[in-house]
Amino acid sequence: MKYLCLVYCDEALLHSLPDSPQDEECHAFAESVQNSGRLVAAQALQPVSSATTLRVRGGQLSITDGPFAETKEQLAGFYLIEARDLNEAIQIGSRIPPARVGSIEVRPVRELDVEQPSGTQVSA
């Protein structure tokens, strides 16, 4: 089963706290999960100030610069992993280096059946 591990932290403090992870440590962690066959994808995100929030209400598109809501912690990145169950996903998520200075939200991925133009079904 796929799990999304969402990395949240105060981006203003992410690299300045004593326990802050360095990029090399994060790369090493991602490589170790990839070598275990559990990593599907992982990416860090640009600062929250680069975000754009979209809303469609009554068929009208509204575009706002910045994040959806003001929070103390921002979404900094993600790891999409394969795990047997929630317990294994939690074990993997607990080793994500930014967990020391932020938080990791572990959430099961709900598979969507998407029909391809050829008419065949695939899971997304």
PDB file of N, CA and C in Angstrom:
ATOM      1  N   MET A   1       0.841  -1.171   0.000  1.00  0.00           N
ATOM      2  CA  MET A   1       0.000   0.000   0.000  1.00  0.00           C
ATOM      3  C   MET A   1       0.893   1.243   0.000  1.00  0.00           C
ATOM      4  N   LYS A   2       0.419   2.286  -0.675  1.00  0.00           N
ATOM      5  CA  LYS A   2       1.177   3.529  -0.718  1.00  0.00           C
ATOM      6  C   LYS A   2       0.773   4.432   0.445  1.00  0.00           C
ATOM      7  N   TYR A   3       1.770   5.127   0.986  1.00  0.00           N
ATOM      8  CA  TYR A   3       1.570   6.119   2.041  1.00  0.00           C
ATOM      9  C   TYR A   3       2.315   7.385   1.652  1.00  0.00           C
ATOM     10  N   LEU A   4       1.689   8.520   1.920  1.00  0.00           N
ATOM     11  CA  LEU A   4       2.337   9.799   1.698  1.00  0.00           C
ATOM     12  C   LEU A   4       2.797  10.335   3.037  1.00  0.00           C
ATOM     13  N   CYS A   5       4.081  10.596   3.145  1.00  0.00           N
ATOM     14  CA  CYS A   5       4.662  11.180   4.347  1.00  0.00           C
ATOM     15  C   CYS A   5       4.895  12.653   4.047  1.00  0.00           C
ATOM     16  N   LEU A   6       4.056  13.500   4.619  1.00  0.00           N
ATOM     17  CA  LEU A   6       4.134  14.936   4.395  1.00  0.00           C
ATOM     18  C   LEU A   6       5.028  15.559   5.461  1.00  0.00           C
ATOM     19  N   VAL A   7       6.014  16.326   5.027  1.00  0.00           N
ATOM     20  CA  VAL A   7       6.988  16.934   5.928  1.00  0.00           C
ATOM     21  C   VAL A   7       6.557  18.377   6.206  1.00  0.00           C
ATOM     22  N   TYR A   8       6.267  18.674   7.475  1.00  0.00           N
ATOM     23  CA  TYR A   8       5.893  20.019   7.890  1.00  0.00           C
ATOM     24  C   TYR A   8       6.950  20.584   8.825  1.00  0.00           C
ATOM     25  N   CYS A   9       7.238  21.863   8.662  1.00  0.00           N
ATOM     26  CA  CYS A   9       8.167  22.527   9.566  1.00  0.00           C
ATOM     27  C   CYS A   9       7.990  24.032   9.428  1.00  0.00           C
ATOM     28  N   ASP A  10       8.553  24.756  10.377  1.00  0.00           N
ATOM     29  CA  ASP A  10       8.601  26.209  10.273  1.00  0.00           C
ATOM     30  C   ASP A  10       9.764  26.511   9.348  1.00  0.00           C
ATOM     31  N   GLU A  11       9.465  26.881   8.107  1.00  0.00           N
ATOM     32  CA  GLU A  11      10.535  27.033   7.126  1.00  0.00           C
ATOM     33  C   GLU A  11      11.533  28.116   7.511  1.00  0.00           C
ATOM     34  N   ALA A  12      11.135  29.058   8.355  1.00  0.00           N
ATOM     35  CA  ALA A  12      12.067  30.099   8.797  1.00  0.00           C
ATOM     36  C   ALA A  12      13.125  29.519   9.738  1.00  0.00           C
ATOM     37  N   LEU A  13      12.810  28.399  10.391  1.00  0.00           N
ATOM     38  CA  LEU A  13      13.733  27.786  11.347  1.00  0.00           C
ATOM     39  C   LEU A  13      14.363  26.491  10.848  1.00  0.00           C
ATOM     40  N   LEU A  14      13.888  25.976   9.728  1.00  0.00           N
ATOM     41  CA  LEU A  14      14.287  24.640   9.269  1.00  0.00           C
ATOM     42  C   LEU A  14      15.785  24.411   9.272  1.00  0.00           C
ATOM     43  N   HIS A  15      16.563  25.359   8.811  1.00  0.00           N
ATOM     44  CA  HIS A  15      18.003  25.140   8.693  1.00  0.00           C
ATOM     45  C   HIS A  15      18.813  25.823   9.793  1.00  0.00           C
ATOM     46  N   SER A  16      18.137  26.376  10.811  1.00  0.00           N
ATOM     47  CA  SER A  16      18.876  27.120  11.824  1.00  0.00           C
ATOM     48  C   SER A  16      18.857  26.486  13.216  1.00  0.00           C
ATOM     49  N   LEU A  17      18.076  25.453  13.423  1.00  0.00           N
ATOM     50  CA  LEU A  17      18.013  24.808  14.738  1.00  0.00           C
ATOM     51  C   LEU A  17      19.156  23.806  14.897  1.00  0.00           C
ATOM     52  N   PRO A  18      19.582  23.557  16.129  1.00  0.00           N
ATOM     53  CA  PRO A  18      20.697  22.610  16.341  1.00  0.00           C
ATOM     54  C   PRO A  18      20.447  21.222  15.749  1.00  0.00           C
ATOM     55  N   ASP A  19      19.205  20.750  15.771  1.00  0.00           N
ATOM     56  CA  ASP A  19      18.884  19.423  15.236  1.00  0.00           C
ATOM     57  C   ASP A  19      18.473  19.446  13.771  1.00  0.00           C
ATOM     58  N   SER A  20      18.580  20.612  13.123  1.00  0.00           N
ATOM     59  CA  SER A  20      18.169  20.730  11.723  1.00  0.00           C
ATOM     60  C   SER A  20      18.979  19.785  10.837  1.00  0.00           C
ATOM     61  N   PRO A  21      18.296  19.047   9.962  1.00  0.00           N
ATOM     62  CA  PRO A  21      19.015  18.160   9.042  1.00  0.00           C
ATOM     63  C   PRO A  21      19.670  18.953   7.917  1.00  0.00           C
ATOM     64  N   GLN A  22      20.762  18.452   7.440  1.00  0.00           N
ATOM     65  CA  GLN A  22      21.434  19.012   6.267  1.00  0.00           C
ATOM     66  C   GLN A  22      20.937  18.257   5.038  1.00  0.00           C
ATOM     67  N   ASP A  23      21.068  18.882   3.869  1.00  0.00           N
ATOM     68  CA  ASP A  23      20.601  18.253   2.635  1.00  0.00           C
ATOM     69  C   ASP A  23      21.240  16.881   2.429  1.00  0.00           C
ATOM     70  N   GLU A  24      22.516  16.743   2.768  1.00  0.00           N
ATOM     71  CA  GLU A  24      23.215  15.462   2.580  1.00  0.00           C
ATOM     72  C   GLU A  24      22.544  14.345   3.380  1.00  0.00           C
ATOM     73  N   GLU A  25      22.096  14.660   4.591  1.00  0.00           N
ATOM     74  CA  GLU A  25      21.419  13.655   5.413  1.00  0.00           C
ATOM     75  C   GLU A  25      20.080  13.262   4.794  1.00  0.00           C
ATOM     76  N   CYS A  26      19.363  14.237   4.280  1.00  0.00           N
ATOM     77  CA  CYS A  26      18.071  13.949   3.639  1.00  0.00           C
ATOM     78  C   CYS A  26      18.265  13.116   2.376  1.00  0.00           C
ATOM     79  N   HIS A  27      19.310  13.421   1.607  1.00  0.00           N
ATOM     80  CA  HIS A  27      19.606  12.639   0.398  1.00  0.00           C
ATOM     81  C   HIS A  27      19.975  11.200   0.777  1.00  0.00           C
ATOM     82  N   ALA A  28      20.761  11.049   1.826  1.00  0.00           N
ATOM     83  CA  ALA A  28      21.163   9.704   2.269  1.00  0.00           C
ATOM     84  C   ALA A  28      19.949   8.914   2.731  1.00  0.00           C
ATOM     85  N   PHE A  29      19.030   9.555   3.457  1.00  0.00           N
ATOM     86  CA  PHE A  29      17.821   8.871   3.893  1.00  0.00           C
ATOM     87  C   PHE A  29      17.003   8.417   2.690  1.00  0.00           C
ATOM     88  N   ALA A  30      16.765   9.334   1.733  1.00  0.00           N
ATOM     89  CA  ALA A  30      15.979   8.989   0.541  1.00  0.00           C
ATOM     90  C   ALA A  30      16.635   7.842  -0.221  1.00  0.00           C
ATOM     91  N   GLU A  31      17.957   7.865  -0.319  1.00  0.00           N
ATOM     92  CA  GLU A  31      18.666   6.786  -1.013  1.00  0.00           C
ATOM     93  C   GLU A  31      18.499   5.454  -0.283  1.00  0.00           C
ATOM     94  N   SER A  32      18.528   5.481   1.041  1.00  0.00           N
ATOM     95  CA  SER A  32      18.365   4.227   1.793  1.00  0.00           C
ATOM     96  C   SER A  32      16.964   3.652   1.621  1.00  0.00           C
ATOM     97  N   VAL A  33      15.945   4.518   1.590  1.00  0.00           N
ATOM     98  CA  VAL A  33      14.570   4.041   1.383  1.00  0.00           C
ATOM     99  C   VAL A  33      14.411   3.548  -0.050  1.00  0.00           C
ATOM    100  N   GLN A  34      15.048   4.230  -0.996  1.00  0.00           N
ATOM    101  CA  GLN A  34      14.998   3.785  -2.389  1.00  0.00           C
ATOM    102  C   GLN A  34      15.662   2.416  -2.528  1.00  0.00           C
ATOM    103  N   ASN A  35      16.816   2.239  -1.896  1.00  0.00           N
ATOM    104  CA  ASN A  35      17.517   0.953  -1.967  1.00  0.00           C
ATOM    105  C   ASN A  35      16.722  -0.175  -1.326  1.00  0.00           C
ATOM    106  N   SER A  36      15.835   0.158  -0.385  1.00  0.00           N
ATOM    107  CA  SER A  36      14.995  -0.867   0.247  1.00  0.00           C
ATOM    108  C   SER A  36      13.804  -1.235  -0.636  1.00  0.00           C
ATOM    109  N   GLY A  37      13.609  -0.496  -1.731  1.00  0.00           N
ATOM    110  CA  GLY A  37      12.476  -0.761  -2.618  1.00  0.00           C
ATOM    111  C   GLY A  37      11.184  -0.125  -2.154  1.00  0.00           C
ATOM    112  N   ARG A  38      11.236   0.751  -1.157  1.00  0.00           N
ATOM    113  CA  ARG A  38      10.027   1.347  -0.580  1.00  0.00           C
ATOM    114  C   ARG A  38       9.721   2.753  -1.101  1.00  0.00           C
ATOM    115  N   LEU A  39      10.685   3.420  -1.737  1.00  0.00           N
ATOM    116  CA  LEU A  39      10.482   4.796  -2.180  1.00  0.00           C
ATOM    117  C   LEU A  39       9.832   4.837  -3.559  1.00  0.00           C
ATOM    118  N   VAL A  40       8.726   5.561  -3.663  1.00  0.00           N
ATOM    119  CA  VAL A  40       8.070   5.777  -4.949  1.00  0.00           C
ATOM    120  C   VAL A  40       8.506   7.137  -5.500  1.00  0.00           C
ATOM    121  N   ALA A  41       8.491   8.163  -4.639  1.00  0.00           N
ATOM    122  CA  ALA A  41       8.899   9.513  -5.041  1.00  0.00           C
ATOM    123  C   ALA A  41       9.192  10.328  -3.792  1.00  0.00           C
ATOM    124  N   ALA A  42      10.038  11.329  -3.925  1.00  0.00           N
ATOM    125  CA  ALA A  42      10.330  12.254  -2.828  1.00  0.00           C
ATOM    126  C   ALA A  42      10.795  13.569  -3.425  1.00  0.00           C
ATOM    127  N   GLN A  43      10.305  14.657  -2.866  1.00  0.00           N
ATOM    128  CA  GLN A  43      10.698  15.980  -3.333  1.00  0.00           C
ATOM    129  C   GLN A  43      10.591  16.980  -2.194  1.00  0.00           C
ATOM    130  N   ALA A  44      11.486  17.940  -2.200  1.00  0.00           N
ATOM    131  CA  ALA A  44      11.373  19.107  -1.332  1.00  0.00           C
ATOM    132  C   ALA A  44      10.609  20.168  -2.113  1.00  0.00           C
ATOM    133  N   LEU A  45       9.929  21.038  -1.409  1.00  0.00           N
ATOM    134  CA  LEU A  45       9.155  22.087  -2.061  1.00  0.00           C
ATOM    135  C   LEU A  45       9.854  23.432  -1.929  1.00  0.00           C
ATOM    136  N   GLN A  46       9.589  24.303  -2.877  1.00  0.00           N
ATOM    137  CA  GLN A  46      10.076  25.678  -2.796  1.00  0.00           C
ATOM    138  C   GLN A  46       9.390  26.358  -1.601  1.00  0.00           C
ATOM    139  N   PRO A  47       9.898  27.499  -1.129  1.00  0.00           N
ATOM    140  CA  PRO A  47       9.286  28.183   0.024  1.00  0.00           C
ATOM    141  C   PRO A  47       7.806  28.463  -0.191  1.00  0.00           C
ATOM    142  N   VAL A  48       7.079  28.518   0.899  1.00  0.00           N
ATOM    143  CA  VAL A  48       5.635  28.719   0.850  1.00  0.00           C
ATOM    144  C   VAL A  48       5.281  30.042   0.168  1.00  0.00           C
ATOM    145  N   SER A  49       6.175  31.000   0.183  1.00  0.00           N
ATOM    146  CA  SER A  49       5.910  32.280  -0.483  1.00  0.00           C
ATOM    147  C   SER A  49       5.769  32.122  -1.997  1.00  0.00           C
ATOM    148  N   SER A  50       6.233  30.994  -2.553  1.00  0.00           N
ATOM    149  CA  SER A  50       6.109  30.756  -3.988  1.00  0.00           C
ATOM    150  C   SER A  50       4.809  30.040  -4.351  1.00  0.00           C
ATOM    151  N   ALA A  51       3.999  29.710  -3.353  1.00  0.00           N
ATOM    152  CA  ALA A  51       2.755  28.956  -3.581  1.00  0.00           C
ATOM    153  C   ALA A  51       1.671  29.841  -4.188  1.00  0.00           C
ATOM    154  N   THR A  52       0.779  29.203  -4.897  1.00  0.00           N
ATOM    155  CA  THR A  52      -0.421  29.833  -5.435  1.00  0.00           C
ATOM    156  C   THR A  52      -1.598  28.956  -5.053  1.00  0.00           C
ATOM    157  N   THR A  53      -2.629  29.549  -4.474  1.00  0.00           N
ATOM    158  CA  THR A  53      -3.814  28.801  -4.060  1.00  0.00           C
ATOM    159  C   THR A  53      -4.947  29.079  -5.038  1.00  0.00           C
ATOM    160  N   LEU A  54      -5.567  28.007  -5.506  1.00  0.00           N
ATOM    161  CA  LEU A  54      -6.680  28.097  -6.458  1.00  0.00           C
ATOM    162  C   LEU A  54      -7.965  27.653  -5.781  1.00  0.00           C
ATOM    163  N   ARG A  55      -9.048  28.349  -6.092  1.00  0.00           N
ATOM    164  CA  ARG A  55     -10.377  27.944  -5.645  1.00  0.00           C
ATOM    165  C   ARG A  55     -11.331  28.137  -6.826  1.00  0.00           C
ATOM    166  N   VAL A  56     -12.271  27.218  -6.972  1.00  0.00           N
ATOM    167  CA  VAL A  56     -13.317  27.367  -7.974  1.00  0.00           C
ATOM    168  C   VAL A  56     -14.642  27.347  -7.223  1.00  0.00           C
ATOM    169  N   ARG A  57     -15.366  28.433  -7.291  1.00  0.00           N
ATOM    170  CA  ARG A  57     -16.661  28.562  -6.634  1.00  0.00           C
ATOM    171  C   ARG A  57     -17.663  29.054  -7.666  1.00  0.00           C
ATOM    172  N   GLY A  58     -18.744  28.337  -7.815  1.00  0.00           N
ATOM    173  CA  GLY A  58     -19.757  28.736  -8.786  1.00  0.00           C
ATOM    174  C   GLY A  58     -19.205  28.843 -10.196  1.00  0.00           C
ATOM    175  N   GLY A  59     -18.224  27.990 -10.511  1.00  0.00           N
ATOM    176  CA  GLY A  59     -17.630  27.989 -11.834  1.00  0.00           C
ATOM    177  C   GLY A  59     -16.598  29.090 -12.062  1.00  0.00           C
ATOM    178  N   GLN A  60     -16.325  29.909 -11.064  1.00  0.00           N
ATOM    179  CA  GLN A  60     -15.371  31.013 -11.189  1.00  0.00           C
ATOM    180  C   GLN A  60     -14.063  30.662 -10.485  1.00  0.00           C
ATOM    181  N   LEU A  61     -12.955  30.873 -11.179  1.00  0.00           N
ATOM    182  CA  LEU A  61     -11.626  30.605 -10.639  1.00  0.00           C
ATOM    183  C   LEU A  61     -11.124  31.816  -9.865  1.00  0.00           C
ATOM    184  N   SER A  62     -10.648  31.553  -8.663  1.00  0.00           N
ATOM    185  CA  SER A  62     -10.020  32.581  -7.832  1.00  0.00           C
ATOM    186  C   SER A  62      -8.589  32.144  -7.567  1.00  0.00           C
ATOM    187  N   ILE A  63      -7.631  33.040  -7.768  1.00  0.00           N
ATOM    188  CA  ILE A  63      -6.220  32.736  -7.588  1.00  0.00           C
ATOM    189  C   ILE A  63      -5.668  33.670  -6.521  1.00  0.00           C
ATOM    190  N   THR A  64      -4.987  33.081  -5.518  1.00  0.00           N
ATOM    191  CA  THR A  64      -4.400  33.857  -4.429  1.00  0.00           C
ATOM    192  C   THR A  64      -2.932  33.500  -4.308  1.00  0.00           C
ATOM    193  N   ASP A  65      -2.094  34.505  -4.185  1.00  0.00           N
ATOM    194  CA  ASP A  65      -0.679  34.241  -3.927  1.00  0.00           C
ATOM    195  C   ASP A  65      -0.528  33.704  -2.516  1.00  0.00           C
ATOM    196  N   GLY A  66       0.371  32.758  -2.357  1.00  0.00           N
ATOM    197  CA  GLY A  66       0.680  32.231  -1.033  1.00  0.00           C
ATOM    198  C   GLY A  66      -0.120  31.001  -0.683  1.00  0.00           C
ATOM    199  N   PRO A  67       0.065  30.553   0.541  1.00  0.00           N
ATOM    200  CA  PRO A  67      -0.563  29.307   0.989  1.00  0.00           C
ATOM    201  C   PRO A  67      -2.051  29.491   1.269  1.00  0.00           C
ATOM    202  N   PHE A  68      -2.726  28.369   1.443  1.00  0.00           N
ATOM    203  CA  PHE A  68      -4.160  28.367   1.722  1.00  0.00           C
ATOM    204  C   PHE A  68      -4.463  29.027   3.060  1.00  0.00           C
ATOM    205  N   ALA A  69      -3.631  28.760   4.076  1.00  0.00           N
ATOM    206  CA  ALA A  69      -3.885  29.276   5.417  1.00  0.00           C
ATOM    207  C   ALA A  69      -2.571  29.643   6.091  1.00  0.00           C
ATOM    208  N   GLU A  70      -2.630  30.586   6.995  1.00  0.00           N
ATOM    209  CA  GLU A  70      -1.465  30.937   7.810  1.00  0.00           C
ATOM    210  C   GLU A  70      -1.313  29.896   8.907  1.00  0.00           C
ATOM    211  N   THR A  71      -0.141  29.299   8.996  1.00  0.00           N
ATOM    212  CA  THR A  71       0.130  28.295  10.014  1.00  0.00           C
ATOM    213  C   THR A  71       1.546  28.479  10.532  1.00  0.00           C
ATOM    214  N   LYS A  72       1.841  27.854  11.673  1.00  0.00           N
ATOM    215  CA  LYS A  72       3.199  27.915  12.215  1.00  0.00           C
ATOM    216  C   LYS A  72       4.138  27.000  11.448  1.00  0.00           C
ATOM    217  N   GLU A  73       3.593  25.915  10.909  1.00  0.00           N
ATOM    218  CA  GLU A  73       4.399  24.979  10.123  1.00  0.00           C
ATOM    219  C   GLU A  73       3.876  24.957   8.694  1.00  0.00           C
ATOM    220  N   GLN A  74       4.802  24.839   7.748  1.00  0.00           N
ATOM    221  CA  GLN A  74       4.437  24.801   6.344  1.00  0.00           C
ATOM    222  C   GLN A  74       4.829  23.448   5.752  1.00  0.00           C
ATOM    223  N   LEU A  75       4.141  23.076   4.683  1.00  0.00           N
ATOM    224  CA  LEU A  75       4.472  21.859   3.957  1.00  0.00           C
ATOM    225  C   LEU A  75       5.797  22.095   3.247  1.00  0.00           C
ATOM    226  N   ALA A  76       6.811  21.315   3.602  1.00  0.00           N
ATOM    227  CA  ALA A  76       8.163  21.518   3.068  1.00  0.00           C
ATOM    228  C   ALA A  76       8.538  20.482   2.015  1.00  0.00           C
ATOM    229  N   GLY A  77       7.871  19.344   2.023  1.00  0.00           N
ATOM    230  CA  GLY A  77       8.195  18.294   1.072  1.00  0.00           C
ATOM    231  C   GLY A  77       7.401  17.044   1.363  1.00  0.00           C
ATOM    232  N   PHE A  78       7.719  15.981   0.617  1.00  0.00           N
ATOM    233  CA  PHE A  78       6.976  14.737   0.795  1.00  0.00           C
ATOM    234  C   PHE A  78       7.832  13.542   0.387  1.00  0.00           C
ATOM    235  N   TYR A  79       7.448  12.399   0.917  1.00  0.00           N
ATOM    236  CA  TYR A  79       7.978  11.101   0.514  1.00  0.00           C
ATOM    237  C   TYR A  79       6.769  10.225   0.235  1.00  0.00           C
ATOM    238  N   LEU A  80       6.676   9.680  -0.956  1.00  0.00           N
ATOM    239  CA  LEU A  80       5.638   8.708  -1.291  1.00  0.00           C
ATOM    240  C   LEU A  80       6.302   7.346  -1.197  1.00  0.00           C
ATOM    241  N   ILE A  81       5.800   6.511  -0.291  1.00  0.00           N
ATOM    242  CA  ILE A  81       6.452   5.230  -0.017  1.00  0.00           C
ATOM    243  C   ILE A  81       5.480   4.075  -0.195  1.00  0.00           C
ATOM    244  N   GLU A  82       6.040   2.896  -0.350  1.00  0.00           N
ATOM    245  CA  GLU A  82       5.288   1.644  -0.317  1.00  0.00           C
ATOM    246  C   GLU A  82       5.572   1.009   1.036  1.00  0.00           C
ATOM    247  N   ALA A  83       4.522   0.582   1.727  1.00  0.00           N
ATOM    248  CA  ALA A  83       4.697  -0.069   3.022  1.00  0.00           C
ATOM    249  C   ALA A  83       3.634  -1.158   3.174  1.00  0.00           C
ATOM    250  N   ARG A  84       3.952  -2.180   3.962  1.00  0.00           N
ATOM    251  CA  ARG A  84       3.006  -3.279   4.193  1.00  0.00           C
ATOM    252  C   ARG A  84       1.742  -2.781   4.879  1.00  0.00           C
ATOM    253  N   ASP A  85       1.933  -1.864   5.844  1.00  0.00           N
ATOM    254  CA  ASP A  85       0.812  -1.383   6.648  1.00  0.00           C
ATOM    255  C   ASP A  85       1.202  -0.061   7.292  1.00  0.00           C
ATOM    256  N   LEU A  86       0.280   0.503   8.068  1.00  0.00           N
ATOM    257  CA  LEU A  86       0.526   1.789   8.714  1.00  0.00           C
ATOM    258  C   LEU A  86       1.723   1.726   9.657  1.00  0.00           C
ATOM    259  N   ASN A  87       1.876   0.623  10.365  1.00  0.00           N
ATOM    260  CA  ASN A  87       3.001   0.510  11.295  1.00  0.00           C
ATOM    261  C   ASN A  87       4.337   0.626  10.576  1.00  0.00           C
ATOM    262  N   GLU A  88       4.479  -0.036   9.430  1.00  0.00           N
ATOM    263  CA  GLU A  88       5.727   0.073   8.683  1.00  0.00           C
ATOM    264  C   GLU A  88       5.898   1.486   8.135  1.00  0.00           C
ATOM    265  N   ALA A  89       4.816   2.103   7.675  1.00  0.00           N
ATOM    266  CA  ALA A  89       4.891   3.474   7.167  1.00  0.00           C
ATOM    267  C   ALA A  89       5.323   4.436   8.273  1.00  0.00           C
ATOM    268  N   ILE A  90       4.819   4.230   9.476  1.00  0.00           N
ATOM    269  CA  ILE A  90       5.219   5.066  10.613  1.00  0.00           C
ATOM    270  C   ILE A  90       6.694   4.867  10.929  1.00  0.00           C
ATOM    271  N   GLN A  91       7.167   3.628  10.873  1.00  0.00           N
ATOM    272  CA  GLN A  91       8.586   3.372  11.126  1.00  0.00           C
ATOM    273  C   GLN A  91       9.469   4.093  10.110  1.00  0.00           C
ATOM    274  N   ILE A  92       9.080   4.044   8.842  1.00  0.00           N
ATOM    275  CA  ILE A  92       9.844   4.738   7.798  1.00  0.00           C
ATOM    276  C   ILE A  92       9.743   6.252   8.019  1.00  0.00           C
ATOM    277  N   GLY A  93       8.540   6.744   8.246  1.00  0.00           N
ATOM    278  CA  GLY A  93       8.329   8.176   8.442  1.00  0.00           C
ATOM    279  C   GLY A  93       9.077   8.732   9.639  1.00  0.00           C
ATOM    280  N   SER A  94       9.224   7.929  10.676  1.00  0.00           N
ATOM    281  CA  SER A  94       9.911   8.410  11.884  1.00  0.00           C
ATOM    282  C   SER A  94      11.394   8.640  11.645  1.00  0.00           C
ATOM    283  N   ARG A  95      11.937   8.077  10.565  1.00  0.00           N
ATOM    284  CA  ARG A  95      13.362   8.252  10.258  1.00  0.00           C
ATOM    285  C   ARG A  95      13.617   9.421   9.308  1.00  0.00           C
ATOM    286  N   ILE A  96      12.566  10.091   8.844  1.00  0.00           N
ATOM    287  CA  ILE A  96      12.748  11.243   7.963  1.00  0.00           C
ATOM    288  C   ILE A  96      13.438  12.343   8.779  1.00  0.00           C
ATOM    289  N   PRO A  97      14.612  12.795   8.350  1.00  0.00           N
ATOM    290  CA  PRO A  97      15.402  13.726   9.159  1.00  0.00           C
ATOM    291  C   PRO A  97      14.674  14.972   9.668  1.00  0.00           C
ATOM    292  N   PRO A  98      13.834  15.659   8.881  1.00  0.00           N
ATOM    293  CA  PRO A  98      13.167  16.852   9.416  1.00  0.00           C
ATOM    294  C   PRO A  98      12.163  16.572  10.544  1.00  0.00           C
ATOM    295  N   ALA A  99      11.875  15.312  10.834  1.00  0.00           N
ATOM    296  CA  ALA A  99      10.984  14.998  11.953  1.00  0.00           C
ATOM    297  C   ALA A  99      11.553  15.542  13.264  1.00  0.00           C
ATOM    298  N   ARG A 100      12.864  15.739  13.305  1.00  0.00           N
ATOM    299  CA  ARG A 100      13.509  16.253  14.528  1.00  0.00           C
ATOM    300  C   ARG A 100      13.161  17.712  14.806  1.00  0.00           C
ATOM    301  N   VAL A 101      12.790  18.464  13.776  1.00  0.00           N
ATOM    302  CA  VAL A 101      12.511  19.885  13.964  1.00  0.00           C
ATOM    303  C   VAL A 101      11.103  20.276  13.512  1.00  0.00           C
ATOM    304  N   GLY A 102      10.361  19.341  12.970  1.00  0.00           N
ATOM    305  CA  GLY A 102       9.011  19.605  12.491  1.00  0.00           C
ATOM    306  C   GLY A 102       8.119  18.418  12.787  1.00  0.00           C
ATOM    307  N   SER A 103       7.276  18.085  11.844  1.00  0.00           N
ATOM    308  CA  SER A 103       6.398  16.932  12.006  1.00  0.00           C
ATOM    309  C   SER A 103       6.228  16.228  10.665  1.00  0.00           C
ATOM    310  N   ILE A 104       5.876  14.958  10.748  1.00  0.00           N
ATOM    311  CA  ILE A 104       5.627  14.140   9.559  1.00  0.00           C
ATOM    312  C   ILE A 104       4.193  13.622   9.669  1.00  0.00           C
ATOM    313  N   GLU A 105       3.389  13.938   8.680  1.00  0.00           N
ATOM    314  CA  GLU A 105       2.033  13.400   8.612  1.00  0.00           C
ATOM    315  C   GLU A 105       2.071  12.197   7.689  1.00  0.00           C
ATOM    316  N   VAL A 106       1.662  11.031   8.199  1.00  0.00           N
ATOM    317  CA  VAL A 106       1.642   9.798   7.415  1.00  0.00           C
ATOM    318  C   VAL A 106       0.186   9.523   7.055  1.00  0.00           C
ATOM    319  N   ARG A 107      -0.082   9.445   5.752  1.00  0.00           N
ATOM    320  CA  ARG A 107      -1.465   9.275   5.313  1.00  0.00           C
ATOM    321  C   ARG A 107      -1.539   8.238   4.203  1.00  0.00           C
ATOM    322  N   PRO A 108      -2.456   7.259   4.327  1.00  0.00           N
ATOM    323  CA  PRO A 108      -2.625   6.282   3.251  1.00  0.00           C
ATOM    324  C   PRO A 108      -3.109   6.975   1.980  1.00  0.00           C
ATOM    325  N   VAL A 109      -2.640   6.484   0.848  1.00  0.00           N
ATOM    326  CA  VAL A 109      -3.057   7.014  -0.447  1.00  0.00           C
ATOM    327  C   VAL A 109      -4.292   6.247  -0.894  1.00  0.00           C
ATOM    328  N   ARG A 110      -5.303   6.974  -1.299  1.00  0.00           N
ATOM    329  CA  ARG A 110      -6.515   6.360  -1.837  1.00  0.00           C
ATOM    330  C   ARG A 110      -6.322   6.235  -3.332  1.00  0.00           C
ATOM    331  N   GLU A 111      -6.287   5.003  -3.812  1.00  0.00           N
ATOM    332  CA  GLU A 111      -6.068   4.745  -5.236  1.00  0.00           C
ATOM    333  C   GLU A 111      -7.284   5.202  -6.039  1.00  0.00           C
ATOM    334  N   LEU A 112      -7.018   5.859  -7.153  1.00  0.00           N
ATOM    335  CA  LEU A 112      -8.075   6.291  -8.064  1.00  0.00           C
ATOM    336  C   LEU A 112      -7.965   5.494  -9.352  1.00  0.00           C
ATOM    337  N   ASP A 113      -9.067   4.958  -9.807  1.00  0.00           N
ATOM    338  CA  ASP A 113      -9.075   4.287 -11.103  1.00  0.00           C
ATOM    339  C   ASP A 113      -9.301   5.342 -12.169  1.00  0.00           C
ATOM    340  N   VAL A 114      -8.334   5.462 -13.054  1.00  0.00           N
ATOM    341  CA  VAL A 114      -8.387   6.465 -14.118  1.00  0.00           C
ATOM    342  C   VAL A 114      -8.429   5.739 -15.448  1.00  0.00           C
ATOM    343  N   GLU A 115      -9.388   6.101 -16.291  1.00  0.00           N
ATOM    344  CA  GLU A 115      -9.500   5.471 -17.589  1.00  0.00           C
ATOM    345  C   GLU A 115      -8.583   6.158 -18.574  1.00  0.00           C
ATOM    346  N   GLN A 116      -7.764   5.365 -19.239  1.00  0.00           N
ATOM    347  CA  GLN A 116      -6.847   5.878 -20.259  1.00  0.00           C
ATOM    348  C   GLN A 116      -7.637   6.094 -21.556  1.00  0.00           C
ATOM    349  N   PRO A 117      -7.124   6.952 -22.457  1.00  0.00           N
ATOM    350  CA  PRO A 117      -7.817   7.193 -23.725  1.00  0.00           C
ATOM    351  C   PRO A 117      -8.118   5.918 -24.518  1.00  0.00           C
ATOM    352  N   SER A 118      -7.289   4.894 -24.362  1.00  0.00           N
ATOM    353  CA  SER A 118      -7.508   3.645 -25.081  1.00  0.00           C
ATOM    354  C   SER A 118      -8.657   2.831 -24.499  1.00  0.00           C
ATOM    355  N   GLY A 119      -9.201   3.303 -23.361  1.00  0.00           N
ATOM    356  CA  GLY A 119     -10.316   2.593 -22.727  1.00  0.00           C
ATOM    357  C   GLY A 119      -9.885   1.611 -21.650  1.00  0.00           C
ATOM    358  N   THR A 120      -8.573   1.471 -21.405  1.00  0.00           N
ATOM    359  CA  THR A 120      -8.104   0.569 -20.370  1.00  0.00           C
ATOM    360  C   THR A 120      -8.069   1.293 -19.030  1.00  0.00           C
ATOM    361  N   GLN A 121      -8.304   0.556 -17.959  1.00  0.00           N
ATOM    362  CA  GLN A 121      -8.285   1.109 -16.615  1.00  0.00           C
ATOM    363  C   GLN A 121      -6.890   1.009 -16.034  1.00  0.00           C
ATOM    364  N   VAL A 122      -6.471   2.051 -15.339  1.00  0.00           N
ATOM    365  CA  VAL A 122      -5.219   2.027 -14.596  1.00  0.00           C
ATOM    366  C   VAL A 122      -5.484   2.632 -13.229  1.00  0.00           C
ATOM    367  N   SER A 123      -4.693   2.244 -12.262  1.00  0.00           N
ATOM    368  CA  SER A 123      -4.798   2.855 -10.933  1.00  0.00           C
ATOM    369  C   SER A 123      -3.796   3.970 -10.849  1.00  0.00           C
ATOM    370  N   ALA A 124      -4.235   5.086 -10.328  1.00  0.00           N
ATOM    371  CA  ALA A 124      -3.337   6.239 -10.167  1.00  0.00           C
ATOM    372  C   ALA A 124      -3.018   6.429  -8.717  1.00  0.00           C
TER     373      ALA A 124
END
